[in-house]
Each structure stands twice: as C-alpha cells, then as structure tokens.
Amino acid sequence: MILSISGVVLLGVIVFLFTRKDGLKISHAVVCALFGFYLAGTAVAPSIKAGGASLASLLDNIRF
C-alpha cells in the first residue's frame, strides 16, 4: 500500500511539474488521469502492477 501511495504522489508531482514548466495543459493531465483510472479496471492492470513492483524492487536493490 505504501508503494501505491508513494507512486501516486510521485506521478502527481511529475504531472504538476509538466503542467507548470513544460506546458502540459490541465485538460491533458485530466485525460491521462482518466486513462489511468480506466486502465486500472482492465485485465492488463495486474501486469502493470507487477511491472511497477518489479521496478520498485530493482530500484530498492541499488546501493550508492
């Protein structure tokens, strides 16, 4: 659950920065959010979630 919340916060910050700095329009951000919302209800959602968990695990194993 913590990974999901931090992922949502991270993506929200990225969308906010794109909106403010790179000219992403609010309407585009809304469309992206709706796309993600509807994509979460499809059969592809478990694969996307597993890929996100795998990426998080990979990043967690990197030591500096």
PDB file of N, CA and C in Angstrom:
ATOM      1  N   MET A   1       0.823  -1.194   0.000  1.00  0.00           N
ATOM      2  CA  MET A   1       0.000   0.000   0.000  1.00  0.00           C
ATOM      3  C   MET A   1       0.866   1.256   0.000  1.00  0.00           C
ATOM      4  N   ILE A   2       1.966   1.237   0.731  1.00  0.00           N
ATOM      5  CA  ILE A   2       2.839   2.404   0.782  1.00  0.00           C
ATOM      6  C   ILE A   2       3.417   2.691  -0.603  1.00  0.00           C
ATOM      7  N   LEU A   3       3.776   1.624  -1.332  1.00  0.00           N
ATOM      8  CA  LEU A   3       4.311   1.805  -2.674  1.00  0.00           C
ATOM      9  C   LEU A   3       3.280   2.450  -3.579  1.00  0.00           C
ATOM     10  N   SER A   4       2.030   2.055  -3.478  1.00  0.00           N
ATOM     11  CA  SER A   4       0.982   2.635  -4.325  1.00  0.00           C
ATOM     12  C   SER A   4       0.795   4.114  -4.025  1.00  0.00           C
ATOM     13  N   ILE A   5       0.774   4.456  -2.758  1.00  0.00           N
ATOM     14  CA  ILE A   5       0.574   5.859  -2.389  1.00  0.00           C
ATOM     15  C   ILE A   5       1.768   6.686  -2.818  1.00  0.00           C
ATOM     16  N   SER A   6       2.991   6.200  -2.585  1.00  0.00           N
ATOM     17  CA  SER A   6       4.165   6.974  -2.981  1.00  0.00           C
ATOM     18  C   SER A   6       4.264   7.073  -4.504  1.00  0.00           C
ATOM     19  N   GLY A   7       3.856   6.022  -5.208  1.00  0.00           N
ATOM     20  CA  GLY A   7       3.837   6.085  -6.665  1.00  0.00           C
ATOM     21  C   GLY A   7       2.850   7.113  -7.173  1.00  0.00           C
ATOM     22  N   VAL A   8       1.681   7.160  -6.560  1.00  0.00           N
ATOM     23  CA  VAL A   8       0.673   8.145  -6.951  1.00  0.00           C
ATOM     24  C   VAL A   8       1.170   9.555  -6.664  1.00  0.00           C
ATOM     25  N   VAL A   9       1.798   9.741  -5.518  1.00  0.00           N
ATOM     26  CA  VAL A   9       2.325  11.067  -5.176  1.00  0.00           C
ATOM     27  C   VAL A   9       3.425  11.464  -6.159  1.00  0.00           C
ATOM     28  N   LEU A  10       4.330  10.536  -6.461  1.00  0.00           N
ATOM     29  CA  LEU A  10       5.413  10.829  -7.403  1.00  0.00           C
ATOM     30  C   LEU A  10       4.859  11.197  -8.775  1.00  0.00           C
ATOM     31  N   LEU A  11       3.925  10.403  -9.280  1.00  0.00           N
ATOM     32  CA  LEU A  11       3.339  10.710 -10.591  1.00  0.00           C
ATOM     33  C   LEU A  11       2.549  12.009 -10.557  1.00  0.00           C
ATOM     34  N   GLY A  12       1.895  12.279  -9.444  1.00  0.00           N
ATOM     35  CA  GLY A  12       1.182  13.549  -9.308  1.00  0.00           C
ATOM     36  C   GLY A  12       2.122  14.739  -9.355  1.00  0.00           C
ATOM     37  N   VAL A  13       3.267  14.619  -8.697  1.00  0.00           N
ATOM     38  CA  VAL A  13       4.263  15.694  -8.722  1.00  0.00           C
ATOM     39  C   VAL A  13       4.804  15.874 -10.133  1.00  0.00           C
ATOM     40  N   ILE A  14       5.061  14.779 -10.825  1.00  0.00           N
ATOM     41  CA  ILE A  14       5.562  14.878 -12.207  1.00  0.00           C
ATOM     42  C   ILE A  14       4.548  15.564 -13.105  1.00  0.00           C
ATOM     43  N   VAL A  15       3.288  15.187 -12.982  1.00  0.00           N
ATOM     44  CA  VAL A  15       2.241  15.837 -13.786  1.00  0.00           C
ATOM     45  C   VAL A  15       2.152  17.320 -13.442  1.00  0.00           C
ATOM     46  N   PHE A  16       2.252  17.648 -12.150  1.00  0.00           N
ATOM     47  CA  PHE A  16       2.212  19.053 -11.735  1.00  0.00           C
ATOM     48  C   PHE A  16       3.381  19.831 -12.352  1.00  0.00           C
ATOM     49  N   LEU A  17       4.581  19.246 -12.300  1.00  0.00           N
ATOM     50  CA  LEU A  17       5.745  19.929 -12.880  1.00  0.00           C
ATOM     51  C   LEU A  17       5.602  20.092 -14.385  1.00  0.00           C
ATOM     52  N   PHE A  18       5.104  19.053 -15.060  1.00  0.00           N
ATOM     53  CA  PHE A  18       4.870  19.181 -16.501  1.00  0.00           C
ATOM     54  C   PHE A  18       3.847  20.274 -16.794  1.00  0.00           C
ATOM     55  N   THR A  19       2.840  20.363 -15.942  1.00  0.00           N
ATOM     56  CA  THR A  19       1.808  21.378 -16.137  1.00  0.00           C
ATOM     57  C   THR A  19       2.395  22.771 -15.982  1.00  0.00           C
ATOM     58  N   ARG A  20       3.233  22.958 -14.977  1.00  0.00           N
ATOM     59  CA  ARG A  20       3.772  24.283 -14.686  1.00  0.00           C
ATOM     60  C   ARG A  20       4.955  24.660 -15.567  1.00  0.00           C
ATOM     61  N   LYS A  21       5.831  23.731 -15.852  1.00  0.00           N
ATOM     62  CA  LYS A  21       7.090  24.060 -16.526  1.00  0.00           C
ATOM     63  C   LYS A  21       7.086  23.773 -18.025  1.00  0.00           C
ATOM     64  N   ASP A  22       6.541  22.646 -18.437  1.00  0.00           N
ATOM     65  CA  ASP A  22       6.669  22.221 -19.832  1.00  0.00           C
ATOM     66  C   ASP A  22       5.422  22.451 -20.673  1.00  0.00           C
ATOM     67  N   GLY A  23       4.449  23.123 -20.133  1.00  0.00           N
ATOM     68  CA  GLY A  23       3.289  23.470 -20.914  1.00  0.00           C
ATOM     69  C   GLY A  23       2.245  22.377 -21.065  1.00  0.00           C
ATOM     70  N   LEU A  24       2.260  21.372 -20.193  1.00  0.00           N
ATOM     71  CA  LEU A  24       1.202  20.364 -20.227  1.00  0.00           C
ATOM     72  C   LEU A  24      -0.095  21.028 -19.798  1.00  0.00           C
ATOM     73  N   LYS A  25      -1.073  20.941 -20.606  1.00  0.00           N
ATOM     74  CA  LYS A  25      -2.353  21.577 -20.280  1.00  0.00           C
ATOM     75  C   LYS A  25      -3.100  20.734 -19.247  1.00  0.00           C
ATOM     76  N   ILE A  26      -3.912  21.405 -18.448  1.00  0.00           N
ATOM     77  CA  ILE A  26      -4.691  20.723 -17.421  1.00  0.00           C
ATOM     78  C   ILE A  26      -5.600  19.683 -18.066  1.00  0.00           C
ATOM     79  N   SER A  27      -6.148  19.990 -19.234  1.00  0.00           N
ATOM     80  CA  SER A  27      -7.021  19.026 -19.905  1.00  0.00           C
ATOM     81  C   SER A  27      -6.260  17.750 -20.265  1.00  0.00           C
ATOM     82  N   HIS A  28      -4.997  17.884 -20.652  1.00  0.00           N
ATOM     83  CA  HIS A  28      -4.186  16.706 -20.959  1.00  0.00           C
ATOM     84  C   HIS A  28      -3.939  15.882 -19.700  1.00  0.00           C
ATOM     85  N   ALA A  29      -3.672  16.554 -18.596  1.00  0.00           N
ATOM     86  CA  ALA A  29      -3.453  15.854 -17.331  1.00  0.00           C
ATOM     87  C   ALA A  29      -4.721  15.116 -16.896  1.00  0.00           C
ATOM     88  N   VAL A  30      -5.878  15.720 -17.106  1.00  0.00           N
ATOM     89  CA  VAL A  30      -7.142  15.076 -16.750  1.00  0.00           C
ATOM     90  C   VAL A  30      -7.369  13.840 -17.620  1.00  0.00           C
ATOM     91  N   VAL A  31      -7.084  13.960 -18.900  1.00  0.00           N
ATOM     92  CA  VAL A  31      -7.236  12.814 -19.797  1.00  0.00           C
ATOM     93  C   VAL A  31      -6.295  11.688 -19.375  1.00  0.00           C
ATOM     94  N   CYS A  32      -5.056  12.018 -19.021  1.00  0.00           N
ATOM     95  CA  CYS A  32      -4.108  10.999 -18.556  1.00  0.00           C
ATOM     96  C   CYS A  32      -4.603  10.335 -17.283  1.00  0.00           C
ATOM     97  N   ALA A  33      -5.150  11.119 -16.357  1.00  0.00           N
ATOM     98  CA  ALA A  33      -5.670  10.561 -15.108  1.00  0.00           C
ATOM     99  C   ALA A  33      -6.861   9.645 -15.378  1.00  0.00           C
ATOM    100  N   LEU A  34      -7.758  10.055 -16.242  1.00  0.00           N
ATOM    101  CA  LEU A  34      -8.906   9.214 -16.581  1.00  0.00           C
ATOM    102  C   LEU A  34      -8.461   7.939 -17.285  1.00  0.00           C
ATOM    103  N   PHE A  35      -7.464   8.054 -18.156  1.00  0.00           N
ATOM    104  CA  PHE A  35      -6.934   6.875 -18.826  1.00  0.00           C
ATOM    105  C   PHE A  35      -6.378   5.883 -17.802  1.00  0.00           C
ATOM    106  N   GLY A  36      -5.608   6.377 -16.849  1.00  0.00           N
ATOM    107  CA  GLY A  36      -5.070   5.515 -15.802  1.00  0.00           C
ATOM    108  C   GLY A  36      -6.156   4.887 -14.955  1.00  0.00           C
ATOM    109  N   PHE A  37      -7.186   5.678 -14.657  1.00  0.00           N
ATOM    110  CA  PHE A  37      -8.305   5.176 -13.858  1.00  0.00           C
ATOM    111  C   PHE A  37      -9.018   4.038 -14.579  1.00  0.00           C
ATOM    112  N   TYR A  38      -9.298   4.221 -15.854  1.00  0.00           N
ATOM    113  CA  TYR A  38      -9.990   3.178 -16.601  1.00  0.00           C
ATOM    114  C   TYR A  38      -9.070   2.001 -16.916  1.00  0.00           C
ATOM    115  N   LEU A  39      -7.792   2.256 -17.103  1.00  0.00           N
ATOM    116  CA  LEU A  39      -6.838   1.180 -17.352  1.00  0.00           C
ATOM    117  C   LEU A  39      -6.727   0.263 -16.139  1.00  0.00           C
ATOM    118  N   ALA A  40      -6.892   0.822 -14.947  1.00  0.00           N
ATOM    119  CA  ALA A  40      -6.808   0.026 -13.719  1.00  0.00           C
ATOM    120  C   ALA A  40      -7.930  -1.006 -13.637  1.00  0.00           C
ATOM    121  N   GLY A  41      -8.996  -0.806 -14.371  1.00  0.00           N
ATOM    122  CA  GLY A  41     -10.111  -1.736 -14.346  1.00  0.00           C
ATOM    123  C   GLY A  41     -10.059  -2.801 -15.423  1.00  0.00           C
ATOM    124  N   THR A  42      -8.997  -2.832 -16.204  1.00  0.00           N
ATOM    125  CA  THR A  42      -8.900  -3.800 -17.292  1.00  0.00           C
ATOM    126  C   THR A  42      -8.095  -5.029 -16.864  1.00  0.00           C
ATOM    127  N   ALA A  43      -7.991  -5.975 -17.763  1.00  0.00           N
ATOM    128  CA  ALA A  43      -7.240  -7.198 -17.489  1.00  0.00           C
ATOM    129  C   ALA A  43      -5.736  -6.966 -17.501  1.00  0.00           C
ATOM    130  N   VAL A  44      -5.302  -5.828 -17.997  1.00  0.00           N
ATOM    131  CA  VAL A  44      -3.877  -5.513 -18.068  1.00  0.00           C
ATOM    132  C   VAL A  44      -3.350  -5.003 -16.715  1.00  0.00           C
ATOM    133  N   ALA A  45      -4.249  -4.582 -15.843  1.00  0.00           N
ATOM    134  CA  ALA A  45      -3.855  -3.960 -14.574  1.00  0.00           C
ATOM    135  C   ALA A  45      -2.919  -4.828 -13.725  1.00  0.00           C
ATOM    136  N   PRO A  46      -3.162  -6.136 -13.560  1.00  0.00           N
ATOM    137  CA  PRO A  46      -2.218  -6.929 -12.754  1.00  0.00           C
ATOM    138  C   PRO A  46      -0.804  -6.963 -13.342  1.00  0.00           C
ATOM    139  N   SER A  47      -0.696  -6.979 -14.657  1.00  0.00           N
ATOM    140  CA  SER A  47       0.627  -6.966 -15.293  1.00  0.00           C
ATOM    141  C   SER A  47       1.337  -5.638 -15.050  1.00  0.00           C
ATOM    142  N   ILE A  48       0.601  -4.555 -15.137  1.00  0.00           N
ATOM    143  CA  ILE A  48       1.177  -3.234 -14.886  1.00  0.00           C
ATOM    144  C   ILE A  48       1.610  -3.122 -13.426  1.00  0.00           C
ATOM    145  N   LYS A  49       0.784  -3.622 -12.525  1.00  0.00           N
ATOM    146  CA  LYS A  49       1.119  -3.581 -11.105  1.00  0.00           C
ATOM    147  C   LYS A  49       2.355  -4.424 -10.818  1.00  0.00           C
ATOM    148  N   ALA A  50       2.442  -5.597 -11.435  1.00  0.00           N
ATOM    149  CA  ALA A  50       3.616  -6.457 -11.246  1.00  0.00           C
ATOM    150  C   ALA A  50       4.866  -5.794 -11.812  1.00  0.00           C
ATOM    151  N   GLY A  51       4.730  -5.135 -12.940  1.00  0.00           N
ATOM    152  CA  GLY A  51       5.871  -4.417 -13.520  1.00  0.00           C
ATOM    153  C   GLY A  51       6.328  -3.278 -12.632  1.00  0.00           C
ATOM    154  N   GLY A  52       5.380  -2.562 -12.061  1.00  0.00           N
ATOM    155  CA  GLY A  52       5.725  -1.483 -11.131  1.00  0.00           C
ATOM    156  C   GLY A  52       6.412  -2.005  -9.882  1.00  0.00           C
ATOM    157  N   ALA A  53       5.916  -3.128  -9.359  1.00  0.00           N
ATOM    158  CA  ALA A  53       6.538  -3.735  -8.177  1.00  0.00           C
ATOM    159  C   ALA A  53       7.940  -4.230  -8.505  1.00  0.00           C
ATOM    160  N   SER A  54       8.119  -4.792  -9.695  1.00  0.00           N
ATOM    161  CA  SER A  54       9.436  -5.258 -10.115  1.00  0.00           C
ATOM    162  C   SER A  54      10.407  -4.090 -10.248  1.00  0.00           C
ATOM    163  N   LEU A  55       9.953  -2.993 -10.818  1.00  0.00           N
ATOM    164  CA  LEU A  55      10.797  -1.805 -10.947  1.00  0.00           C
ATOM    165  C   LEU A  55      11.157  -1.239  -9.583  1.00  0.00           C
ATOM    166  N   ALA A  56      10.191  -1.206  -8.674  1.00  0.00           N
ATOM    167  CA  ALA A  56      10.463  -0.715  -7.326  1.00  0.00           C
ATOM    168  C   ALA A  56      11.471  -1.603  -6.614  1.00  0.00           C
ATOM    169  N   SER A  57      11.361  -2.907  -6.806  1.00  0.00           N
ATOM    170  CA  SER A  57      12.314  -3.839  -6.208  1.00  0.00           C
ATOM    171  C   SER A  57      13.706  -3.643  -6.795  1.00  0.00           C
ATOM    172  N   LEU A  58      13.774  -3.424  -8.092  1.00  0.00           N
ATOM    173  CA  LEU A  58      15.047  -3.181  -8.745  1.00  0.00           C
ATOM    174  C   LEU A  58      15.694  -1.913  -8.204  1.00  0.00           C
ATOM    175  N   LEU A  59      14.922  -0.851  -8.082  1.00  0.00           N
ATOM    176  CA  LEU A  59      15.450   0.410  -7.562  1.00  0.00           C
ATOM    177  C   LEU A  59      15.847   0.295  -6.101  1.00  0.00           C
ATOM    178  N   ASP A  60      15.140  -0.547  -5.340  1.00  0.00           N
ATOM    179  CA  ASP A  60      15.449  -0.728  -3.938  1.00  0.00           C
ATOM    180  C   ASP A  60      16.784  -1.437  -3.750  1.00  0.00           C
ATOM    181  N   ASN A  61      17.158  -2.276  -4.700  1.00  0.00           N
ATOM    182  CA  ASN A  61      18.405  -3.037  -4.595  1.00  0.00           C
ATOM    183  C   ASN A  61      19.642  -2.242  -5.019  1.00  0.00           C
ATOM    184  N   ILE A  62      19.465  -1.056  -5.573  1.00  0.00           N
ATOM    185  CA  ILE A  62      20.596  -0.242  -5.986  1.00  0.00           C
ATOM    186  C   ILE A  62      21.188   0.430  -4.747  1.00  0.00           C
ATOM    187  N   ARG A  63      22.464   0.252  -4.555  1.00  0.00           N
ATOM    188  CA  ARG A  63      23.178   0.856  -3.425  1.00  0.00           C
ATOM    189  C   ARG A  63      24.209   1.858  -3.944  1.00  0.00           C
ATOM    190  N   PHE A  64      24.229   3.014  -3.337  1.00  0.00           N
ATOM    191  CA  PHE A  64      25.178   4.054  -3.737  1.00  0.00           C
ATOM    192  C   PHE A  64      26.317   4.136  -2.763  1.00  0.00           C
TER     193      PHE A  64
END
